[in-house]
């Protein structure tokens, strides 16, 4: 069991967000409260939307009077579940790619391929994602003036998850492959090979136990990266699940998110950050808290691994010291005593 306060704080934050969002859908049907005009008990007008953050509206409201805290709560499940799924798929597929990379490629070929792939670190993933996802996520207009999407909502979500996963598989697979290759150079691997262990047994009994904790940390890092990419895509009006575009030539509404996920809210409200900062800061703060939660999980796991290794070494050292003390106290014992 992981005994790290950082891990449990980060894990609890994510679980509170996800289960609160799911409960909001199950018990309240994800109905977002709308208050355009606010009156007191005497029916006197107090004010109109947008309202600043208060006890009644924790994150304020937008220009149409929709409660931003309800929108954030509605979109939390889409954002966080998608981020967790993309992070898992990235690590899983990269792990599969890394197995032949570490076990079957010669060292020279692996180093050359690693140098080739390292050049892609300098290409922003957001730019590639924008070019690929634009026709998938943006609403289109046909010759008859009808608005349509090229794919269904489920297909758009699936394609976005697949694309954001595959974009990093070559780079991440190379990195995990190098981790495996470094483990295969350890002395205990040579000992296992001398004893006749097969590649599968070495992989199962030695590589996976050493690599699995590191993969969890890599997963946390990938989740943070996906959240940042979501923020960039939201600013560029590419919302998770699709962007609803108004093609009215006279007075078009700004693009809207189909699911109120957080990147869509950032894209909707970012232009208002100077006019009314409280509207835009709500989703941005939620993104920051989610990123902080994933970082806490990664730091907590890393701290757990370091302290566990230290405790094991300390336990071995204490047992050796106690054994030495016993030997010193009883250096020799009389087996039989020859009396007078």
C-alpha atoms as a PDB file:
ATOM      1  CA  UNK A   1       0.000   0.000   0.000  1.00  0.00           C
ATOM      2  CA  UNK A   2       1.266   3.469  -0.897  1.00  0.00           C
ATOM      3  CA  UNK A   3       1.906   5.460   2.287  1.00  0.00           C
ATOM      4  CA  UNK A   4       2.423   8.880   0.764  1.00  0.00           C
ATOM      5  CA  UNK A   5       0.283  11.866   1.712  1.00  0.00           C
ATOM      6  CA  UNK A   6       0.951  13.532  -1.647  1.00  0.00           C
ATOM      7  CA  UNK A   7      -0.355  10.529  -3.555  1.00  0.00           C
ATOM      8  CA  UNK A   8      -3.581  10.320  -1.568  1.00  0.00           C
ATOM      9  CA  UNK A   9      -4.212  14.069  -1.758  1.00  0.00           C
ATOM     10  CA  UNK A  10      -3.836  14.057  -5.552  1.00  0.00           C
ATOM     11  CA  UNK A  11      -5.875  10.869  -5.920  1.00  0.00           C
ATOM     12  CA  UNK A  12      -8.651  12.265  -3.701  1.00  0.00           C
ATOM     13  CA  UNK A  13      -8.842  15.504  -5.709  1.00  0.00           C
ATOM     14  CA  UNK A  14      -9.353  13.606  -8.968  1.00  0.00           C
ATOM     15  CA  UNK A  15     -11.901  11.227  -7.455  1.00  0.00           C
ATOM     16  CA  UNK A  16     -13.887  14.118  -5.955  1.00  0.00           C
ATOM     17  CA  UNK A  17     -14.017  15.836  -9.356  1.00  0.00           C
ATOM     18  CA  UNK A  18     -15.062  12.697 -11.246  1.00  0.00           C
ATOM     19  CA  UNK A  19     -17.648  11.376  -8.776  1.00  0.00           C
ATOM     20  CA  UNK A  20     -19.114  14.849  -8.235  1.00  0.00           C
ATOM     21  CA  UNK A  21     -19.553  15.202 -11.994  1.00  0.00           C
ATOM     22  CA  UNK A  22     -21.118  11.755 -12.299  1.00  0.00           C
ATOM     23  CA  UNK A  23     -23.439  12.449  -9.356  1.00  0.00           C
ATOM     24  CA  UNK A  24     -24.457  15.744 -10.963  1.00  0.00           C
ATOM     25  CA  UNK A  25     -25.521  13.776 -14.037  1.00  0.00           C
ATOM     26  CA  UNK A  26     -27.209  10.919 -12.174  1.00  0.00           C
ATOM     27  CA  UNK A  27     -29.207  12.987  -9.677  1.00  0.00           C
ATOM     28  CA  UNK A  28     -29.659  16.355 -11.426  1.00  0.00           C
ATOM     29  CA  UNK A  29     -29.506  15.284 -15.092  1.00  0.00           C
ATOM     30  CA  UNK A  30     -26.579  17.729 -15.624  1.00  0.00           C
ATOM     31  CA  UNK A  31     -29.012  20.655 -15.668  1.00  0.00           C
ATOM     32  CA  UNK A  32     -27.027  23.905 -15.575  1.00  0.00           C
ATOM     33  CA  UNK A  33     -28.692  26.660 -13.555  1.00  0.00           C
ATOM     34  CA  UNK A  34     -29.434  29.869 -15.467  1.00  0.00           C
ATOM     35  CA  UNK A  35     -30.158  33.187 -13.733  1.00  0.00           C
ATOM     36  CA  UNK A  36     -30.249  36.213 -16.024  1.00  0.00           C
ATOM     37  CA  UNK A  37     -31.864  38.652 -13.572  1.00  0.00           C
ATOM     38  CA  UNK A  38     -31.598  38.532  -9.784  1.00  0.00           C
ATOM     39  CA  UNK A  39     -34.266  39.941  -7.462  1.00  0.00           C
ATOM     40  CA  UNK A  40     -34.444  40.338  -3.688  1.00  0.00           C
ATOM     41  CA  UNK A  41     -37.315  39.252  -1.430  1.00  0.00           C
ATOM     42  CA  UNK A  42     -39.246  42.438  -2.251  1.00  0.00           C
ATOM     43  CA  UNK A  43     -38.997  41.735  -5.996  1.00  0.00           C
ATOM     44  CA  UNK A  44     -36.505  44.559  -6.468  1.00  0.00           C
ATOM     45  CA  UNK A  45     -33.934  44.059  -9.215  1.00  0.00           C
ATOM     46  CA  UNK A  46     -30.474  43.486  -7.749  1.00  0.00           C
ATOM     47  CA  UNK A  47     -28.485  42.908 -10.913  1.00  0.00           C
ATOM     48  CA  UNK A  48     -28.117  41.020 -14.154  1.00  0.00           C
ATOM     49  CA  UNK A  49     -25.763  38.492 -15.670  1.00  0.00           C
ATOM     50  CA  UNK A  50     -22.842  38.052 -15.637  1.00  0.00           C
ATOM     51  CA  UNK A  51     -22.610  37.728 -11.853  1.00  0.00           C
ATOM     52  CA  UNK A  52     -19.313  37.766  -9.989  1.00  0.00           C
ATOM     53  CA  UNK A  53     -18.278  34.792  -7.815  1.00  0.00           C
ATOM     54  CA  UNK A  54     -20.275  34.621  -4.583  1.00  0.00           C
ATOM     55  CA  UNK A  55     -21.848  32.093  -2.226  1.00  0.00           C
ATOM     56  CA  UNK A  56     -24.740  31.716  -4.653  1.00  0.00           C
ATOM     57  CA  UNK A  57     -22.464  31.411  -7.703  1.00  0.00           C
ATOM     58  CA  UNK A  58     -19.064  30.027  -6.547  1.00  0.00           C
ATOM     59  CA  UNK A  59     -17.403  30.642  -9.940  1.00  0.00           C
ATOM     60  CA  UNK A  60     -19.783  33.325 -11.182  1.00  0.00           C
ATOM     61  CA  UNK A  61     -21.957  33.165 -14.290  1.00  0.00           C
ATOM     62  CA  UNK A  62     -21.402  33.846 -17.963  1.00  0.00           C
ATOM     63  CA  UNK A  63     -23.123  36.541 -20.028  1.00  0.00           C
ATOM     64  CA  UNK A  64     -26.212  34.373 -20.499  1.00  0.00           C
ATOM     65  CA  UNK A  65     -26.535  33.715 -16.766  1.00  0.00           C
ATOM     66  CA  UNK A  66     -25.359  30.082 -16.779  1.00  0.00           C
ATOM     67  CA  UNK A  67     -23.654  29.027 -13.559  1.00  0.00           C
ATOM     68  CA  UNK A  68     -20.011  28.357 -14.436  1.00  0.00           C
ATOM     69  CA  UNK A  69     -19.552  26.020 -11.460  1.00  0.00           C
ATOM     70  CA  UNK A  70     -22.335  23.814 -12.851  1.00  0.00           C
ATOM     71  CA  UNK A  71     -20.708  23.845 -16.291  1.00  0.00           C
ATOM     72  CA  UNK A  72     -17.347  22.937 -14.777  1.00  0.00           C
ATOM     73  CA  UNK A  73     -19.002  20.153 -12.791  1.00  0.00           C
ATOM     74  CA  UNK A  74     -20.775  18.862 -15.900  1.00  0.00           C
ATOM     75  CA  UNK A  75     -17.599  18.769 -17.987  1.00  0.00           C
ATOM     76  CA  UNK A  76     -15.249  17.335 -15.349  1.00  0.00           C
ATOM     77  CA  UNK A  77     -16.075  13.710 -16.149  1.00  0.00           C
ATOM     78  CA  UNK A  78     -15.457  14.178 -19.883  1.00  0.00           C
ATOM     79  CA  UNK A  79     -12.159  15.982 -19.347  1.00  0.00           C
ATOM     80  CA  UNK A  80     -10.611  13.846 -16.615  1.00  0.00           C
ATOM     81  CA  UNK A  81     -11.796  10.447 -17.855  1.00  0.00           C
ATOM     82  CA  UNK A  82     -10.526  11.302 -21.350  1.00  0.00           C
ATOM     83  CA  UNK A  83      -7.174  12.448 -19.939  1.00  0.00           C
ATOM     84  CA  UNK A  84      -6.791   9.292 -17.828  1.00  0.00           C
ATOM     85  CA  UNK A  85      -7.756   7.064 -20.780  1.00  0.00           C
ATOM     86  CA  UNK A  86      -5.352   8.789 -23.186  1.00  0.00           C
ATOM     87  CA  UNK A  87      -2.557   8.537 -20.603  1.00  0.00           C
ATOM     88  CA  UNK A  88      -3.206   4.809 -20.117  1.00  0.00           C
ATOM     89  CA  UNK A  89      -3.340   4.130 -23.868  1.00  0.00           C
ATOM     90  CA  UNK A  90      -0.138   6.093 -24.444  1.00  0.00           C
ATOM     91  CA  UNK A  91       1.799   4.108 -21.856  1.00  0.00           C
ATOM     92  CA  UNK A  92       0.244   0.778 -22.903  1.00  0.00           C
ATOM     93  CA  UNK A  93       0.924   1.089 -26.643  1.00  0.00           C
ATOM     94  CA  UNK A  94       4.368   2.584 -26.047  1.00  0.00           C
ATOM     95  CA  UNK A  95       5.171  -0.321 -23.723  1.00  0.00           C
ATOM     96  CA  UNK A  96       4.203  -2.787 -26.472  1.00  0.00           C
ATOM     97  CA  UNK A  97       6.382  -0.914 -28.991  1.00  0.00           C
ATOM     98  CA  UNK A  98       9.274  -0.804 -26.507  1.00  0.00           C
ATOM     99  CA  UNK A  99       9.503  -4.605 -26.123  1.00  0.00           C
ATOM    100  CA  UNK A 100      11.007  -5.340 -29.579  1.00  0.00           C
ATOM    101  CA  UNK A 101      12.881  -2.027 -29.363  1.00  0.00           C
ATOM    102  CA  UNK A 102      14.772  -3.222 -26.268  1.00  0.00           C
ATOM    103  CA  UNK A 103      14.978  -6.999 -26.797  1.00  0.00           C
ATOM    104  CA  UNK A 104      15.496  -7.506 -30.526  1.00  0.00           C
ATOM    105  CA  UNK A 105      17.106  -4.397 -32.034  1.00  0.00           C
ATOM    106  CA  UNK A 106      20.920  -4.230 -32.056  1.00  0.00           C
ATOM    107  CA  UNK A 107      22.459  -1.486 -29.938  1.00  0.00           C
ATOM    108  CA  UNK A 108      23.758   0.508 -32.919  1.00  0.00           C
ATOM    109  CA  UNK A 109      20.413   0.439 -34.716  1.00  0.00           C
ATOM    110  CA  UNK A 110      18.549   1.323 -31.520  1.00  0.00           C
ATOM    111  CA  UNK A 111      20.811   4.303 -30.834  1.00  0.00           C
ATOM    112  CA  UNK A 112      20.434   5.552 -34.415  1.00  0.00           C
ATOM    113  CA  UNK A 113      16.651   5.237 -34.260  1.00  0.00           C
ATOM    114  CA  UNK A 114      16.650   6.967 -30.898  1.00  0.00           C
ATOM    115  CA  UNK A 115      18.607   9.911 -32.328  1.00  0.00           C
ATOM    116  CA  UNK A 116      16.189  10.139 -35.254  1.00  0.00           C
ATOM    117  CA  UNK A 117      13.135  10.159 -32.996  1.00  0.00           C
ATOM    118  CA  UNK A 118      14.677  12.666 -30.584  1.00  0.00           C
ATOM    119  CA  UNK A 119      14.417  15.349 -33.284  1.00  0.00           C
ATOM    120  CA  UNK A 120      10.617  15.180 -32.959  1.00  0.00           C
ATOM    121  CA  UNK A 121      10.852  16.471 -29.380  1.00  0.00           C
ATOM    122  CA  UNK A 122      11.206  19.969 -30.839  1.00  0.00           C
ATOM    123  CA  UNK A 123       7.971  19.789 -32.869  1.00  0.00           C
ATOM    124  CA  UNK A 124       4.968  20.989 -30.802  1.00  0.00           C
ATOM    125  CA  UNK A 125       2.367  18.239 -30.656  1.00  0.00           C
ATOM    126  CA  UNK A 126      -0.407  20.830 -30.602  1.00  0.00           C
ATOM    127  CA  UNK A 127       0.409  21.979 -34.145  1.00  0.00           C
ATOM    128  CA  UNK A 128       0.244  18.430 -35.506  1.00  0.00           C
ATOM    129  CA  UNK A 129      -2.965  17.760 -33.563  1.00  0.00           C
ATOM    130  CA  UNK A 130      -4.610  20.918 -34.947  1.00  0.00           C
ATOM    131  CA  UNK A 131      -3.983  19.908 -38.573  1.00  0.00           C
ATOM    132  CA  UNK A 132      -5.306  16.379 -38.032  1.00  0.00           C
ATOM    133  CA  UNK A 133      -8.253  17.173 -35.746  1.00  0.00           C
ATOM    134  CA  UNK A 134      -9.637  20.297 -37.457  1.00  0.00           C
ATOM    135  CA  UNK A 135     -11.780  18.466 -40.076  1.00  0.00           C
ATOM    136  CA  UNK A 136     -12.879  15.927 -37.471  1.00  0.00           C
ATOM    137  CA  UNK A 137     -13.983  18.272 -34.681  1.00  0.00           C
ATOM    138  CA  UNK A 138     -15.202  21.378 -36.515  1.00  0.00           C
ATOM    139  CA  UNK A 139     -18.797  21.616 -37.661  1.00  0.00           C
ATOM    140  CA  UNK A 140     -19.175  21.945 -41.451  1.00  0.00           C
ATOM    141  CA  UNK A 141     -21.622  23.756 -43.755  1.00  0.00           C
ATOM    142  CA  UNK A 142     -22.870  22.055 -46.929  1.00  0.00           C
ATOM    143  CA  UNK A 143     -24.061  23.648 -50.180  1.00  0.00           C
ATOM    144  CA  UNK A 144     -27.682  23.728 -48.943  1.00  0.00           C
ATOM    145  CA  UNK A 145     -26.682  25.759 -45.880  1.00  0.00           C
ATOM    146  CA  UNK A 146     -27.116  22.851 -43.456  1.00  0.00           C
ATOM    147  CA  UNK A 147     -24.714  22.403 -40.565  1.00  0.00           C
ATOM    148  CA  UNK A 148     -23.241  18.939 -40.049  1.00  0.00           C
ATOM    149  CA  UNK A 149     -20.327  16.979 -38.617  1.00  0.00           C
ATOM    150  CA  UNK A 150     -18.359  14.489 -40.669  1.00  0.00           C
ATOM    151  CA  UNK A 151     -18.542  11.952 -37.819  1.00  0.00           C
ATOM    152  CA  UNK A 152     -20.882  11.112 -34.946  1.00  0.00           C
ATOM    153  CA  UNK A 153     -20.141  12.277 -31.394  1.00  0.00           C
ATOM    154  CA  UNK A 154     -18.807   8.859 -30.351  1.00  0.00           C
ATOM    155  CA  UNK A 155     -16.629   8.665 -33.477  1.00  0.00           C
ATOM    156  CA  UNK A 156     -15.239  12.166 -32.855  1.00  0.00           C
ATOM    157  CA  UNK A 157     -14.348  11.321 -29.263  1.00  0.00           C
ATOM    158  CA  UNK A 158     -12.792   7.985 -30.286  1.00  0.00           C
ATOM    159  CA  UNK A 159     -10.756   9.530 -33.105  1.00  0.00           C
ATOM    160  CA  UNK A 160      -9.452  12.307 -30.875  1.00  0.00           C
ATOM    161  CA  UNK A 161      -8.396   9.800 -28.214  1.00  0.00           C
ATOM    162  CA  UNK A 162      -6.680   7.612 -30.835  1.00  0.00           C
ATOM    163  CA  UNK A 163      -4.877  10.528 -32.512  1.00  0.00           C
ATOM    164  CA  UNK A 164      -3.660  12.105 -29.269  1.00  0.00           C
ATOM    165  CA  UNK A 165      -2.442   8.642 -28.242  1.00  0.00           C
ATOM    166  CA  UNK A 166      -0.602   7.720 -31.431  1.00  0.00           C
ATOM    167  CA  UNK A 167       1.157  11.087 -31.715  1.00  0.00           C
ATOM    168  CA  UNK A 168       3.527  10.231 -28.860  1.00  0.00           C
ATOM    169  CA  UNK A 169       3.839   6.440 -29.216  1.00  0.00           C
ATOM    170  CA  UNK A 170       7.118   6.558 -31.236  1.00  0.00           C
ATOM    171  CA  UNK A 171       8.796   8.975 -28.811  1.00  0.00           C
ATOM    172  CA  UNK A 172       7.424   7.385 -25.662  1.00  0.00           C
ATOM    173  CA  UNK A 173       8.112   3.872 -26.968  1.00  0.00           C
ATOM    174  CA  UNK A 174      11.730   4.845 -27.551  1.00  0.00           C
ATOM    175  CA  UNK A 175      12.011   6.234 -24.027  1.00  0.00           C
ATOM    176  CA  UNK A 176      10.480   3.141 -22.400  1.00  0.00           C
ATOM    177  CA  UNK A 177      12.637   0.929 -24.635  1.00  0.00           C
ATOM    178  CA  UNK A 178      15.742   2.687 -23.325  1.00  0.00           C
ATOM    179  CA  UNK A 179      14.509   2.045 -19.778  1.00  0.00           C
ATOM    180  CA  UNK A 180      14.183  -1.658 -20.592  1.00  0.00           C
ATOM    181  CA  UNK A 181      17.604  -1.723 -22.247  1.00  0.00           C
ATOM    182  CA  UNK A 182      19.225  -0.203 -19.155  1.00  0.00           C
ATOM    183  CA  UNK A 183      17.559  -2.847 -16.948  1.00  0.00           C
ATOM    184  CA  UNK A 184      18.812  -5.611 -19.261  1.00  0.00           C
ATOM    185  CA  UNK A 185      22.388  -4.419 -18.646  1.00  0.00           C
ATOM    186  CA  UNK A 186      22.169  -5.042 -14.891  1.00  0.00           C
ATOM    187  CA  UNK A 187      24.255  -7.794 -13.290  1.00  0.00           C
ATOM    188  CA  UNK A 188      21.269  -9.806 -12.076  1.00  0.00           C
ATOM    189  CA  UNK A 189      20.083 -10.137 -15.697  1.00  0.00           C
ATOM    190  CA  UNK A 190      23.448 -11.672 -16.635  1.00  0.00           C
ATOM    191  CA  UNK A 191      23.118 -14.074 -13.707  1.00  0.00           C
ATOM    192  CA  UNK A 192      19.622 -15.082 -14.822  1.00  0.00           C
ATOM    193  CA  UNK A 193      20.862 -15.723 -18.358  1.00  0.00           C
ATOM    194  CA  UNK A 194      23.717 -17.867 -17.064  1.00  0.00           C
ATOM    195  CA  UNK A 195      21.189 -19.938 -15.139  1.00  0.00           C
ATOM    196  CA  UNK A 196      19.297 -20.587 -18.378  1.00  0.00           C
ATOM    197  CA  UNK A 197      16.377 -18.153 -18.049  1.00  0.00           C
ATOM    198  CA  UNK A 198      14.522 -17.456 -21.299  1.00  0.00           C
ATOM    199  CA  UNK A 199      13.756 -13.976 -22.619  1.00  0.00           C
ATOM    200  CA  UNK A 200      10.133 -14.310 -21.568  1.00  0.00           C
ATOM    201  CA  UNK A 201      11.095 -15.272 -18.007  1.00  0.00           C
ATOM    202  CA  UNK A 202      13.594 -12.420 -17.778  1.00  0.00           C
ATOM    203  CA  UNK A 203      10.943 -10.030 -19.082  1.00  0.00           C
ATOM    204  CA  UNK A 204       8.268 -11.326 -16.707  1.00  0.00           C
ATOM    205  CA  UNK A 205      10.304 -11.855 -13.532  1.00  0.00           C
ATOM    206  CA  UNK A 206      12.922  -9.098 -13.757  1.00  0.00           C
ATOM    207  CA  UNK A 207      12.066  -6.353 -16.257  1.00  0.00           C
ATOM    208  CA  UNK A 208       8.381  -5.800 -15.436  1.00  0.00           C
ATOM    209  CA  UNK A 209       8.813  -5.546 -11.611  1.00  0.00           C
ATOM    210  CA  UNK A 210      11.547  -2.931 -12.059  1.00  0.00           C
ATOM    211  CA  UNK A 211       9.781  -1.054 -14.859  1.00  0.00           C
ATOM    212  CA  UNK A 212       6.185  -0.962 -13.609  1.00  0.00           C
ATOM    213  CA  UNK A 213       6.660   1.741 -10.910  1.00  0.00           C
ATOM    214  CA  UNK A 214       8.436   3.949 -13.449  1.00  0.00           C
ATOM    215  CA  UNK A 215       5.572   3.479 -15.905  1.00  0.00           C
ATOM    216  CA  UNK A 216       3.125   4.830 -13.330  1.00  0.00           C
ATOM    217  CA  UNK A 217       5.226   7.989 -13.038  1.00  0.00           C
ATOM    218  CA  UNK A 218       5.369   8.229 -16.844  1.00  0.00           C
ATOM    219  CA  UNK A 219       1.566   7.897 -16.907  1.00  0.00           C
ATOM    220  CA  UNK A 220       1.213  10.878 -14.546  1.00  0.00           C
ATOM    221  CA  UNK A 221       3.511  12.939 -16.770  1.00  0.00           C
ATOM    222  CA  UNK A 222       1.511  12.006 -19.862  1.00  0.00           C
ATOM    223  CA  UNK A 223      -1.762  13.003 -18.181  1.00  0.00           C
ATOM    224  CA  UNK A 224      -0.313  16.435 -17.418  1.00  0.00           C
ATOM    225  CA  UNK A 225       0.820  16.750 -21.039  1.00  0.00           C
ATOM    226  CA  UNK A 226      -2.655  15.803 -22.315  1.00  0.00           C
ATOM    227  CA  UNK A 227      -4.252  18.443 -20.077  1.00  0.00           C
ATOM    228  CA  UNK A 228      -1.905  21.073 -21.499  1.00  0.00           C
ATOM    229  CA  UNK A 229      -2.699  19.974 -25.071  1.00  0.00           C
ATOM    230  CA  UNK A 230      -6.420  20.174 -24.268  1.00  0.00           C
ATOM    231  CA  UNK A 231      -5.874  23.752 -23.083  1.00  0.00           C
ATOM    232  CA  UNK A 232      -4.103  24.672 -26.333  1.00  0.00           C
ATOM    233  CA  UNK A 233      -6.781  23.024 -28.463  1.00  0.00           C
ATOM    234  CA  UNK A 234      -9.493  24.801 -26.491  1.00  0.00           C
ATOM    235  CA  UNK A 235      -7.856  28.161 -27.109  1.00  0.00           C
ATOM    236  CA  UNK A 236      -7.803  27.297 -30.829  1.00  0.00           C
ATOM    237  CA  UNK A 237     -11.543  26.392 -30.711  1.00  0.00           C
ATOM    238  CA  UNK A 238     -11.024  22.644 -31.126  1.00  0.00           C
ATOM    239  CA  UNK A 239     -13.139  21.254 -28.316  1.00  0.00           C
ATOM    240  CA  UNK A 240     -13.228  17.670 -27.087  1.00  0.00           C
ATOM    241  CA  UNK A 241     -16.156  15.934 -28.789  1.00  0.00           C
ATOM    242  CA  UNK A 242     -16.685  18.635 -31.399  1.00  0.00           C
ATOM    243  CA  UNK A 243     -17.009  22.392 -31.922  1.00  0.00           C
ATOM    244  CA  UNK A 244     -20.513  23.740 -32.547  1.00  0.00           C
ATOM    245  CA  UNK A 245     -20.101  26.644 -34.999  1.00  0.00           C
ATOM    246  CA  UNK A 246     -22.800  29.202 -35.810  1.00  0.00           C
ATOM    247  CA  UNK A 247     -22.654  30.088 -39.531  1.00  0.00           C
ATOM    248  CA  UNK A 248     -25.129  32.996 -39.282  1.00  0.00           C
ATOM    249  CA  UNK A 249     -23.617  35.729 -41.509  1.00  0.00           C
ATOM    250  CA  UNK A 250     -25.378  38.556 -39.649  1.00  0.00           C
ATOM    251  CA  UNK A 251     -24.778  37.869 -35.943  1.00  0.00           C
ATOM    252  CA  UNK A 252     -23.012  34.561 -35.339  1.00  0.00           C
ATOM    253  CA  UNK A 253     -22.594  33.179 -31.835  1.00  0.00           C
ATOM    254  CA  UNK A 254     -19.065  32.174 -30.813  1.00  0.00           C
ATOM    255  CA  UNK A 255     -18.107  28.477 -31.183  1.00  0.00           C
ATOM    256  CA  UNK A 256     -19.447  26.302 -28.374  1.00  0.00           C
ATOM    257  CA  UNK A 257     -18.421  23.008 -26.818  1.00  0.00           C
ATOM    258  CA  UNK A 258     -20.729  20.027 -27.263  1.00  0.00           C
ATOM    259  CA  UNK A 259     -20.081  18.666 -23.755  1.00  0.00           C
ATOM    260  CA  UNK A 260     -18.963  21.635 -21.576  1.00  0.00           C
ATOM    261  CA  UNK A 261     -15.609  19.937 -21.051  1.00  0.00           C
ATOM    262  CA  UNK A 262     -12.987  22.239 -19.591  1.00  0.00           C
ATOM    263  CA  UNK A 263     -10.984  23.031 -22.716  1.00  0.00           C
ATOM    264  CA  UNK A 264     -14.223  24.081 -24.409  1.00  0.00           C
ATOM    265  CA  UNK A 265     -15.048  26.397 -21.509  1.00  0.00           C
ATOM    266  CA  UNK A 266     -11.593  27.943 -21.738  1.00  0.00           C
ATOM    267  CA  UNK A 267     -12.085  28.499 -25.472  1.00  0.00           C
ATOM    268  CA  UNK A 268     -15.539  29.982 -24.866  1.00  0.00           C
ATOM    269  CA  UNK A 269     -14.516  32.376 -22.109  1.00  0.00           C
ATOM    270  CA  UNK A 270     -10.885  33.236 -22.874  1.00  0.00           C
ATOM    271  CA  UNK A 271     -11.828  36.308 -24.928  1.00  0.00           C
ATOM    272  CA  UNK A 272     -13.575  37.682 -21.817  1.00  0.00           C
ATOM    273  CA  UNK A 273     -10.522  37.468 -19.564  1.00  0.00           C
ATOM    274  CA  UNK A 274      -9.921  41.245 -19.793  1.00  0.00           C
ATOM    275  CA  UNK A 275     -13.568  42.348 -19.726  1.00  0.00           C
ATOM    276  CA  UNK A 276     -14.638  39.996 -16.906  1.00  0.00           C
ATOM    277  CA  UNK A 277     -11.749  37.872 -15.581  1.00  0.00           C
ATOM    278  CA  UNK A 278     -13.913  35.852 -13.176  1.00  0.00           C
ATOM    279  CA  UNK A 279     -15.728  34.184 -16.108  1.00  0.00           C
ATOM    280  CA  UNK A 280     -12.536  32.855 -17.692  1.00  0.00           C
ATOM    281  CA  UNK A 281     -10.591  32.060 -14.531  1.00  0.00           C
ATOM    282  CA  UNK A 282     -12.978  29.345 -13.286  1.00  0.00           C
ATOM    283  CA  UNK A 283     -12.115  26.680 -15.917  1.00  0.00           C
ATOM    284  CA  UNK A 284      -8.454  27.746 -15.894  1.00  0.00           C
ATOM    285  CA  UNK A 285      -8.271  27.223 -12.118  1.00  0.00           C
ATOM    286  CA  UNK A 286      -9.858  23.773 -12.493  1.00  0.00           C
ATOM    287  CA  UNK A 287      -7.226  22.840 -15.087  1.00  0.00           C
ATOM    288  CA  UNK A 288      -4.509  24.033 -12.726  1.00  0.00           C
ATOM    289  CA  UNK A 289      -5.905  21.971  -9.836  1.00  0.00           C
ATOM    290  CA  UNK A 290      -6.124  18.855 -12.033  1.00  0.00           C
ATOM    291  CA  UNK A 291      -2.519  19.287 -13.231  1.00  0.00           C
ATOM    292  CA  UNK A 292      -1.410  19.775  -9.622  1.00  0.00           C
ATOM    293  CA  UNK A 293      -3.276  16.591  -8.600  1.00  0.00           C
ATOM    294  CA  UNK A 294      -1.505  14.492 -11.243  1.00  0.00           C
ATOM    295  CA  UNK A 295       1.846  15.958 -10.186  1.00  0.00           C
ATOM    296  CA  UNK A 296       1.108  15.073  -6.559  1.00  0.00           C
ATOM    297  CA  UNK A 297       0.308  11.491  -7.574  1.00  0.00           C
ATOM    298  CA  UNK A 298       3.594  11.203  -9.486  1.00  0.00           C
ATOM    299  CA  UNK A 299       5.645  12.741  -6.653  1.00  0.00           C
ATOM    300  CA  UNK A 300       3.894  10.540  -4.102  1.00  0.00           C
ATOM    301  CA  UNK A 301       4.666   7.349  -6.023  1.00  0.00           C
ATOM    302  CA  UNK A 302       8.273   8.431  -6.509  1.00  0.00           C
ATOM    303  CA  UNK A 303       8.635   9.169  -2.780  1.00  0.00           C
ATOM    304  CA  UNK A 304       7.064   5.796  -1.947  1.00  0.00           C
ATOM    305  CA  UNK A 305       9.547   3.954  -4.162  1.00  0.00           C
ATOM    306  CA  UNK A 306      12.525   5.787  -2.673  1.00  0.00           C
ATOM    307  CA  UNK A 307      11.463   5.218   0.942  1.00  0.00           C
ATOM    308  CA  UNK A 308      10.606   1.563   0.267  1.00  0.00           C
ATOM    309  CA  UNK A 309      14.076   0.965  -1.181  1.00  0.00           C
ATOM    310  CA  UNK A 310      15.658   2.751   1.791  1.00  0.00           C
ATOM    311  CA  UNK A 311      13.628   0.696   4.294  1.00  0.00           C
ATOM    312  CA  UNK A 312      14.651  -2.556   2.593  1.00  0.00           C
ATOM    313  CA  UNK A 313      18.340  -1.636   2.711  1.00  0.00           C
ATOM    314  CA  UNK A 314      18.003  -0.459   6.325  1.00  0.00           C
ATOM    315  CA  UNK A 315      16.247  -3.731   7.279  1.00  0.00           C
ATOM    316  CA  UNK A 316      19.012  -5.813   5.721  1.00  0.00           C
ATOM    317  CA  UNK A 317      21.687  -3.735   7.467  1.00  0.00           C
ATOM    318  CA  UNK A 318      19.981  -4.058  10.868  1.00  0.00           C
ATOM    319  CA  UNK A 319      19.642  -7.833  10.507  1.00  0.00           C
ATOM    320  CA  UNK A 320      23.330  -8.117   9.632  1.00  0.00           C
ATOM    321  CA  UNK A 321      24.322  -5.964  12.622  1.00  0.00           C
ATOM    322  CA  UNK A 322      22.163  -8.026  15.010  1.00  0.00           C
ATOM    323  CA  UNK A 323      23.698 -11.254  13.701  1.00  0.00           C
ATOM    324  CA  UNK A 324      27.195  -9.870  14.257  1.00  0.00           C
ATOM    325  CA  UNK A 325      26.314  -8.879  17.842  1.00  0.00           C
ATOM    326  CA  UNK A 326      25.049 -12.387  18.594  1.00  0.00           C
ATOM    327  CA  UNK A 327      28.254 -13.907  17.238  1.00  0.00           C
ATOM    328  CA  UNK A 328      30.372 -11.501  19.293  1.00  0.00           C
ATOM    329  CA  UNK A 329      28.490 -12.235  22.516  1.00  0.00           C
ATOM    330  CA  UNK A 330      28.723 -15.998  22.083  1.00  0.00           C
ATOM    331  CA  UNK A 331      32.105 -16.468  20.499  1.00  0.00           C
ATOM    332  CA  UNK A 332      32.443 -19.929  22.117  1.00  0.00           C
ATOM    333  CA  UNK A 333      30.297 -22.087  24.357  1.00  0.00           C
ATOM    334  CA  UNK A 334      31.308 -24.914  26.679  1.00  0.00           C
ATOM    335  CA  UNK A 335      29.718 -28.065  25.397  1.00  0.00           C
ATOM    336  CA  UNK A 336      30.574 -30.133  28.454  1.00  0.00           C
ATOM    337  CA  UNK A 337      31.934 -29.094  31.792  1.00  0.00           C
ATOM    338  CA  UNK A 338      34.465 -31.454  33.357  1.00  0.00           C
ATOM    339  CA  UNK A 339      33.944 -31.169  37.054  1.00  0.00           C
ATOM    340  CA  UNK A 340      36.239 -31.689  40.010  1.00  0.00           C
END
